Amino acid sequence: MAALTIFLFWGKRYAYKFDLNVVLPLERKNSIGIPELFSTDLIKDTLWHHLGYDMHVIHSRWNHSEVKYVLGKGSVFITIIREPTQQFESMFSYFKFYEYLGNVTLPNFLDKLEDNEFEFKWKLEYYRKSGIWGKNQMLFDLGFPVTDFDNEHKVKQFVEEVNKNFHLVMIAERFEESVVLLKELLCWDYNDLVFLQLNTRHEALKVNLSVGHTVKLKKWLKADYYLYKKLKDVFDEKVEKFGRKKMEEEKKKLTLARIKILKKCFPGKDIPENAVYHKMFSHTSRGLISKSRSLLPEEMWRISGCRLYGFDESFHDLHLMDQLKSAQWKKADMNTLHSLEKE
């Protein structure tokens, strides 16, 4: 989940920096519409809707035609995917699937999968945890119907559409290369794409599956695996076209940009000595927060910009959304005022 969180936060951070309009819900939450597909109806009652939108950088269940309609012509579409077994293992812990399934471990779940296929099919395929989390998560998030998970033809057809619709599909396991391609595509600065290790689980909580269990899980997630393999091949082609030597040079530039931010926000030798870990959305995860925060007035903490690099999803992401929403609200009020003056 860390890569997706960073990816979406980049967009909000960029919008905040350049005063852009982003798709936001009326409620104070960092998602919109899930488990339903995204639609214009979900945002049409916001006071800033008539201003139009520059970016869609919020958790939602993808609906390409609707997002394209909201953003308009010339929009660039980007998403990120992750190796399916690693993603499912992470979700199993992060979203407490073990409780939802009746206090079973991931290996227990995989051992019982064949004998309890009908029960698990309903719990993790149709109903899903909280109506959101479950089998073939990437296809689900991209808007594919759960009733067609076993339809190989429809899965392949959908994956072709994804490949056609998105200008770049980033790969979580190759994050630095993904960032370089993203920077090239959007013509951003590396300072806009600096990332710290956030929302990561404690190593002790990760489950190392046996070869047999991994094979079972791959088979169960075969639709997501088809998506991953197909789009990973496309990613490989983009990297080759970009050039291996050039890629290594750009990765060094990204590292230097990251070091610059670390020295500014976490002065000292290294992160472990100069930053403290704090609880995030899940009890299994950790993030970073600058020790200097307690030494700075609140207004200086904002000016320093460090808050935008050491954040937790449950507070700083929502805090940034509050700032964006406030700015869009003011622009909407000014727009209304100008309209009244013309009358």
Protein backbone atom coordinates (compact mmCIF):
# COMPACT_ATOMS: atom_id res chain seq x y z
CA MET A 1 0.00 0.00 0.00
CA ALA A 2 2.98 2.31 0.59
CA ALA A 3 3.72 2.89 -3.11
CA LEU A 4 0.12 3.83 -3.93
CA THR A 5 -0.07 6.17 -0.93
CA ILE A 6 3.13 7.95 -1.97
CA PHE A 7 1.95 8.13 -5.59
CA LEU A 8 -1.36 9.80 -4.68
CA PHE A 9 0.28 12.09 -2.15
CA TRP A 10 2.72 13.36 -4.77
CA GLY A 11 -0.23 14.57 -6.81
CA LYS A 12 -1.82 16.40 -3.89
CA ARG A 13 1.54 17.89 -2.91
CA TYR A 14 2.06 19.12 -6.48
CA ALA A 15 -1.47 20.55 -6.64
CA TYR A 16 -0.90 22.35 -3.33
CA LYS A 17 2.38 23.80 -4.59
CA PHE A 18 0.94 25.11 -7.88
CA ASP A 19 -2.63 25.91 -6.76
CA LEU A 20 -4.29 23.31 -8.97
CA ASN A 21 -7.83 21.98 -8.62
CA VAL A 22 -8.19 18.33 -7.63
CA VAL A 23 -11.12 15.95 -7.41
CA LEU A 24 -12.21 15.90 -3.74
CA PRO A 25 -15.22 14.57 -1.85
CA LEU A 26 -17.37 16.77 0.38
CA GLU A 27 -16.60 14.50 3.32
CA ARG A 28 -13.26 14.62 5.15
CA LYS A 29 -11.88 11.35 3.83
CA ASN A 30 -9.11 10.27 1.46
CA SER A 31 -11.32 8.15 -0.79
CA ILE A 32 -14.41 8.69 -2.89
CA GLY A 33 -17.24 6.37 -3.91
CA ILE A 34 -15.59 3.03 -3.12
CA PRO A 35 -16.75 0.28 -3.63
CA GLU A 36 -18.83 1.90 -6.39
CA LEU A 37 -17.12 3.04 -9.57
CA PHE A 38 -16.11 6.68 -9.70
CA SER A 39 -18.66 8.93 -11.40
CA THR A 40 -19.30 12.62 -11.88
CA ASP A 41 -22.40 12.30 -9.69
CA LEU A 42 -20.12 11.81 -6.67
CA ILE A 43 -18.65 15.30 -6.98
CA LYS A 44 -21.29 17.36 -8.80
CA ASP A 45 -22.64 18.85 -5.54
CA THR A 46 -19.30 20.23 -4.37
CA LEU A 47 -19.16 24.03 -4.35
CA TRP A 48 -16.01 24.01 -6.52
CA HIS A 49 -17.26 21.59 -9.19
CA HIS A 50 -17.88 24.35 -11.74
CA LEU A 51 -14.21 25.37 -11.58
CA GLY A 52 -13.13 22.20 -13.37
CA TYR A 53 -10.32 19.86 -12.36
CA ASP A 54 -6.63 19.50 -13.08
CA MET A 55 -5.93 16.23 -11.24
CA HIS A 56 -7.62 13.07 -9.97
CA VAL A 57 -5.34 11.90 -7.15
CA ILE A 58 -7.62 10.24 -4.61
CA HIS A 59 -8.45 6.65 -3.74
CA SER A 60 -11.36 5.61 -5.95
CA ARG A 61 -12.52 2.65 -8.00
CA TRP A 62 -11.41 3.56 -11.50
CA ASN A 63 -13.89 4.47 -14.20
CA HIS A 64 -11.85 5.66 -17.15
CA SER A 65 -14.60 7.30 -19.20
CA GLU A 66 -15.86 9.29 -16.19
CA VAL A 67 -12.41 10.42 -15.05
CA LYS A 68 -11.53 11.40 -18.62
CA TYR A 69 -14.77 13.40 -18.84
CA VAL A 70 -14.00 15.21 -15.56
CA LEU A 71 -10.40 16.07 -16.47
CA GLY A 72 -10.98 16.85 -20.14
CA LYS A 73 -8.93 16.32 -23.29
CA GLY A 74 -5.15 16.07 -23.13
CA SER A 75 -5.09 14.40 -19.72
CA VAL A 76 -2.29 11.99 -18.82
CA PHE A 77 -3.25 8.77 -17.02
CA ILE A 78 -0.91 6.96 -14.64
CA THR A 79 -1.37 4.12 -12.18
CA ILE A 80 0.80 1.68 -10.21
CA ILE A 81 0.67 -2.09 -9.74
CA ARG A 82 2.41 -4.57 -7.47
CA GLU A 83 3.38 -8.26 -7.60
CA PRO A 84 0.07 -9.94 -6.66
CA THR A 85 1.21 -12.42 -3.99
CA GLN A 86 3.17 -9.72 -2.19
CA GLN A 87 0.20 -7.39 -2.38
CA PHE A 88 -2.22 -9.98 -0.99
CA GLU A 89 0.16 -10.96 1.82
CA SER A 90 0.43 -7.28 2.74
CA MET A 91 -3.34 -6.77 2.70
CA PHE A 92 -3.90 -9.93 4.76
CA SER A 93 -1.95 -8.31 7.59
CA TYR A 94 -2.70 -4.63 7.02
CA PHE A 95 -6.49 -5.02 6.81
CA LYS A 96 -6.70 -7.89 9.31
CA PHE A 97 -8.05 -10.53 6.95
CA TYR A 98 -7.15 -13.08 9.62
CA GLU A 99 -9.98 -11.72 11.80
CA TYR A 100 -12.43 -11.39 8.92
CA LEU A 101 -11.88 -15.02 7.90
CA GLY A 102 -12.22 -16.43 11.40
CA ASN A 103 -8.78 -16.13 13.02
CA VAL A 104 -6.77 -17.99 10.39
CA THR A 105 -3.22 -17.29 9.28
CA LEU A 106 -2.39 -16.78 5.63
CA PRO A 107 -0.87 -20.29 5.29
CA ASN A 108 -3.99 -21.73 7.00
CA PHE A 109 -6.17 -19.82 4.58
CA LEU A 110 -4.27 -21.23 1.60
CA ASP A 111 -4.44 -24.78 3.00
CA LYS A 112 -8.20 -24.47 3.40
CA LEU A 113 -8.77 -22.70 0.11
CA GLU A 114 -9.73 -25.75 -1.96
CA ASP A 115 -12.02 -27.26 0.67
CA ASN A 116 -13.67 -23.93 1.49
CA GLU A 117 -13.62 -22.34 -1.94
CA PHE A 118 -17.31 -21.42 -1.90
CA GLU A 119 -17.10 -19.66 1.49
CA PHE A 120 -13.95 -17.76 0.60
CA LYS A 121 -15.33 -16.90 -2.84
CA TRP A 122 -18.16 -15.01 -1.18
CA LYS A 123 -16.06 -13.43 1.56
CA LEU A 124 -13.09 -12.27 -0.53
CA GLU A 125 -14.47 -12.10 -4.05
CA TYR A 126 -18.07 -10.87 -3.90
CA TYR A 127 -18.57 -9.32 -0.46
CA ARG A 128 -14.88 -8.49 0.18
CA LYS A 129 -13.69 -6.97 3.46
CA SER A 130 -15.49 -3.65 3.96
CA GLY A 131 -16.83 -4.21 0.44
CA ILE A 132 -13.39 -3.25 -0.92
CA TRP A 133 -10.47 -5.55 -0.08
CA GLY A 134 -10.08 -9.08 -1.40
CA LYS A 135 -9.24 -11.27 -4.38
CA ASN A 136 -7.62 -9.75 -7.51
CA GLN A 137 -7.38 -6.35 -5.84
CA MET A 138 -5.71 -4.60 -8.75
CA LEU A 139 -8.38 -5.57 -11.26
CA PHE A 140 -11.05 -4.60 -8.73
CA ASP A 141 -9.46 -1.17 -8.18
CA LEU A 142 -9.24 -0.63 -11.93
CA GLY A 143 -13.00 -1.20 -12.21
CA PHE A 144 -13.20 -4.78 -13.48
CA PRO A 145 -16.42 -6.64 -12.43
CA VAL A 146 -15.82 -9.31 -9.76
CA THR A 147 -18.33 -11.57 -11.51
CA ASP A 148 -15.92 -11.85 -14.47
CA PHE A 149 -12.75 -12.81 -12.56
CA ASP A 150 -12.90 -16.33 -14.01
CA ASN A 151 -13.67 -15.18 -17.56
CA GLU A 152 -10.25 -15.36 -19.20
CA HIS A 153 -11.39 -13.65 -22.40
CA LYS A 154 -12.86 -10.65 -20.57
CA VAL A 155 -9.80 -10.36 -18.33
CA LYS A 156 -7.48 -10.22 -21.37
CA GLN A 157 -9.74 -7.75 -23.12
CA PHE A 158 -9.83 -5.50 -20.04
CA VAL A 159 -6.05 -5.61 -19.60
CA GLU A 160 -5.63 -4.49 -23.21
CA GLU A 161 -7.90 -1.52 -22.46
CA VAL A 162 -5.84 -0.63 -19.39
CA ASN A 163 -2.66 -0.75 -21.45
CA LYS A 164 -4.25 1.48 -24.07
CA ASN A 165 -5.75 3.98 -21.60
CA PHE A 166 -2.79 4.57 -19.29
CA HIS A 167 0.27 6.45 -20.46
CA LEU A 168 2.36 4.84 -17.72
CA VAL A 169 1.77 1.89 -15.40
CA MET A 170 4.38 2.06 -12.66
CA ILE A 171 5.75 -1.08 -10.98
CA ALA A 172 6.03 -0.97 -7.18
CA GLU A 173 8.99 -3.40 -7.08
CA ARG A 174 10.88 -1.10 -9.45
CA PHE A 175 9.88 2.14 -7.83
CA GLU A 176 12.93 4.25 -8.65
CA GLU A 177 12.77 3.36 -12.34
CA SER A 178 9.05 4.13 -12.23
CA VAL A 179 9.73 7.54 -10.70
CA VAL A 180 12.25 8.35 -13.44
CA LEU A 181 9.75 7.45 -16.18
CA LEU A 182 7.06 9.44 -14.37
CA LYS A 183 9.31 12.49 -14.15
CA GLU A 184 10.10 12.18 -17.86
CA LEU A 185 6.43 11.87 -18.80
CA LEU A 186 5.16 14.77 -16.68
CA CYS A 187 8.24 17.02 -16.99
CA TRP A 188 8.29 17.43 -13.22
CA ASP A 189 11.29 18.17 -11.02
CA TYR A 190 12.79 15.43 -8.83
CA ASN A 191 12.06 17.60 -5.80
CA ASP A 192 8.37 17.02 -6.56
CA LEU A 193 8.96 13.26 -6.57
CA VAL A 194 11.11 12.75 -3.49
CA PHE A 195 9.81 9.93 -1.31
CA LEU A 196 10.62 8.61 2.15
CA GLN A 197 9.86 5.14 3.44
CA LEU A 198 6.32 5.57 4.71
CA ASN A 199 3.42 3.35 5.66
CA THR A 200 5.72 0.30 5.75
CA ARG A 201 5.02 -2.74 7.88
CA HIS A 202 7.30 -3.99 10.59
CA GLU A 203 9.49 -6.76 9.17
CA ALA A 204 8.47 -9.15 11.96
CA LEU A 205 4.84 -9.03 10.76
CA LYS A 206 5.60 -10.12 7.20
CA VAL A 207 4.82 -13.74 6.29
CA ASN A 208 7.35 -15.71 4.24
CA LEU A 209 5.25 -18.19 2.28
CA SER A 210 6.54 -21.61 1.30
CA VAL A 211 6.92 -22.47 -2.39
CA GLY A 212 3.76 -24.58 -2.21
CA HIS A 213 1.70 -21.81 -0.63
CA THR A 214 3.03 -19.27 -3.13
CA VAL A 215 1.97 -21.50 -6.02
CA LYS A 216 -1.53 -21.82 -4.54
CA LEU A 217 -1.84 -18.09 -4.09
CA LYS A 218 -0.61 -17.37 -7.63
CA LYS A 219 -3.20 -19.77 -9.00
CA TRP A 220 -5.96 -18.15 -6.95
CA LEU A 221 -4.88 -14.68 -8.13
CA LYS A 222 -4.39 -15.71 -11.77
CA ALA A 223 -6.42 -12.80 -13.16
CA ASP A 224 -4.30 -10.23 -11.32
CA TYR A 225 -1.21 -12.15 -12.39
CA TYR A 226 -2.15 -11.82 -16.03
CA LEU A 227 -2.57 -8.05 -15.54
CA TYR A 228 0.76 -7.79 -13.72
CA LYS A 229 2.79 -9.81 -16.21
CA LYS A 230 1.34 -8.08 -19.26
CA LEU A 231 1.90 -4.57 -17.91
CA LYS A 232 5.31 -5.43 -16.46
CA ASP A 233 6.40 -6.47 -19.97
CA VAL A 234 5.21 -3.10 -21.26
CA PHE A 235 7.15 -1.39 -18.46
CA ASP A 236 10.31 -3.31 -19.42
CA GLU A 237 9.94 -2.06 -22.98
CA LYS A 238 9.65 1.54 -21.76
CA VAL A 239 12.81 1.16 -19.66
CA GLU A 240 14.75 -0.29 -22.58
CA LYS A 241 13.56 2.52 -24.84
CA PHE A 242 14.58 5.08 -22.22
CA GLY A 243 18.07 3.56 -22.06
CA ARG A 244 19.76 1.64 -19.24
CA LYS A 245 22.70 4.03 -18.91
CA LYS A 246 20.45 7.06 -18.86
CA MET A 247 18.22 5.34 -16.31
CA GLU A 248 21.12 4.79 -13.90
CA GLU A 249 22.16 8.43 -14.26
CA GLU A 250 18.62 9.63 -13.52
CA LYS A 251 18.30 7.33 -10.50
CA LYS A 252 21.43 8.97 -9.06
CA LYS A 253 19.79 12.38 -9.49
CA LEU A 254 16.72 11.12 -7.66
CA THR A 255 18.89 9.84 -4.81
CA LEU A 256 20.63 13.22 -4.53
CA ALA A 257 17.26 15.00 -4.37
CA ARG A 258 16.16 12.63 -1.61
CA ILE A 259 19.38 13.20 0.38
CA LYS A 260 18.84 16.95 0.10
CA ILE A 261 15.37 16.67 1.66
CA LEU A 262 16.63 14.31 4.38
CA LYS A 263 19.36 16.77 5.36
CA LYS A 264 16.84 19.60 5.46
CA CYS A 265 14.07 17.83 7.38
CA PHE A 266 16.03 15.17 9.29
CA PRO A 267 19.45 16.79 9.89
CA GLY A 268 22.14 14.40 11.08
CA LYS A 269 23.77 11.17 10.02
CA ASP A 270 20.86 8.99 8.95
CA ILE A 271 17.10 8.54 9.34
CA PRO A 272 17.18 6.13 12.33
CA GLU A 273 19.11 8.65 14.48
CA ASN A 274 17.30 11.76 13.31
CA ALA A 275 13.68 10.82 12.91
CA VAL A 276 11.21 8.98 15.07
CA TYR A 277 8.75 6.37 13.96
CA HIS A 278 5.10 6.97 14.68
CA LYS A 279 1.87 5.05 14.33
CA MET A 280 0.04 5.32 11.04
CA PHE A 281 -3.29 4.12 9.63
CA SER A 282 -2.62 0.53 10.64
CA HIS A 283 -1.11 -0.76 13.87
CA THR A 284 1.21 -2.87 11.71
CA SER A 285 2.82 0.13 9.99
CA ARG A 286 5.16 2.96 10.74
CA GLY A 287 6.07 6.33 9.26
CA LEU A 288 8.52 9.15 9.87
CA ILE A 289 8.16 12.46 11.62
CA SER A 290 10.86 15.09 12.10
CA LYS A 291 12.09 15.61 15.64
CA SER A 292 12.53 19.27 14.76
CA ARG A 293 8.76 19.69 14.65
CA SER A 294 8.59 20.03 18.43
CA LEU A 295 11.23 22.81 18.24
CA LEU A 296 9.51 24.89 15.57
CA PRO A 297 6.41 27.08 15.76
CA GLU A 298 3.52 25.68 13.74
CA GLU A 299 3.85 28.35 11.04
CA MET A 300 7.57 27.60 10.60
CA TRP A 301 6.80 23.87 10.38
CA ARG A 302 4.52 24.62 7.45
CA ILE A 303 6.99 26.94 5.72
CA SER A 304 9.83 24.44 6.03
CA GLY A 305 7.83 22.02 3.90
CA CYS A 306 8.98 19.03 5.92
CA ARG A 307 5.42 18.13 6.83
CA LEU A 308 4.90 17.25 3.17
CA TYR A 309 7.63 14.63 3.27
CA GLY A 310 7.16 12.99 6.68
CA PHE A 311 3.43 12.33 6.79
CA ASP A 312 1.03 9.69 7.93
CA GLU A 313 -2.03 8.80 5.89
CA SER A 314 -4.44 9.27 8.80
CA PHE A 315 -3.41 12.88 9.46
CA HIS A 316 -1.09 14.70 7.07
CA ASP A 317 -2.75 13.42 3.89
CA LEU A 318 -6.12 14.58 5.22
CA HIS A 319 -4.53 17.82 6.41
CA LEU A 320 -3.23 18.49 2.91
CA MET A 321 -6.65 17.68 1.47
CA ASP A 322 -8.13 20.22 3.89
CA GLN A 323 -5.74 22.86 2.53
CA LEU A 324 -6.64 21.99 -1.07
CA LYS A 325 -10.35 22.01 -0.27
CA SER A 326 -10.06 25.39 1.46
CA ALA A 327 -8.25 26.87 -1.54
CA GLN A 328 -10.85 25.53 -3.98
CA TRP A 329 -13.64 26.78 -1.74
CA LYS A 330 -12.17 30.30 -1.80
CA LYS A 331 -11.76 30.21 -5.58
CA ALA A 332 -15.38 29.09 -5.92
CA ASP A 333 -16.52 31.97 -3.68
CA MET A 334 -14.50 34.47 -5.71
CA ASN A 335 -15.90 33.08 -8.94
CA THR A 336 -19.45 33.47 -7.60
CA LEU A 337 -18.69 37.01 -6.42
CA HIS A 338 -17.34 38.02 -9.84
CA SER A 339 -20.44 36.57 -11.51
CA LEU A 340 -22.71 38.62 -9.23
CA GLU A 341 -20.69 41.79 -9.92
CA LYS A 342 -21.18 41.30 -13.67
CA GLU A 343 -24.93 41.05 -13.17
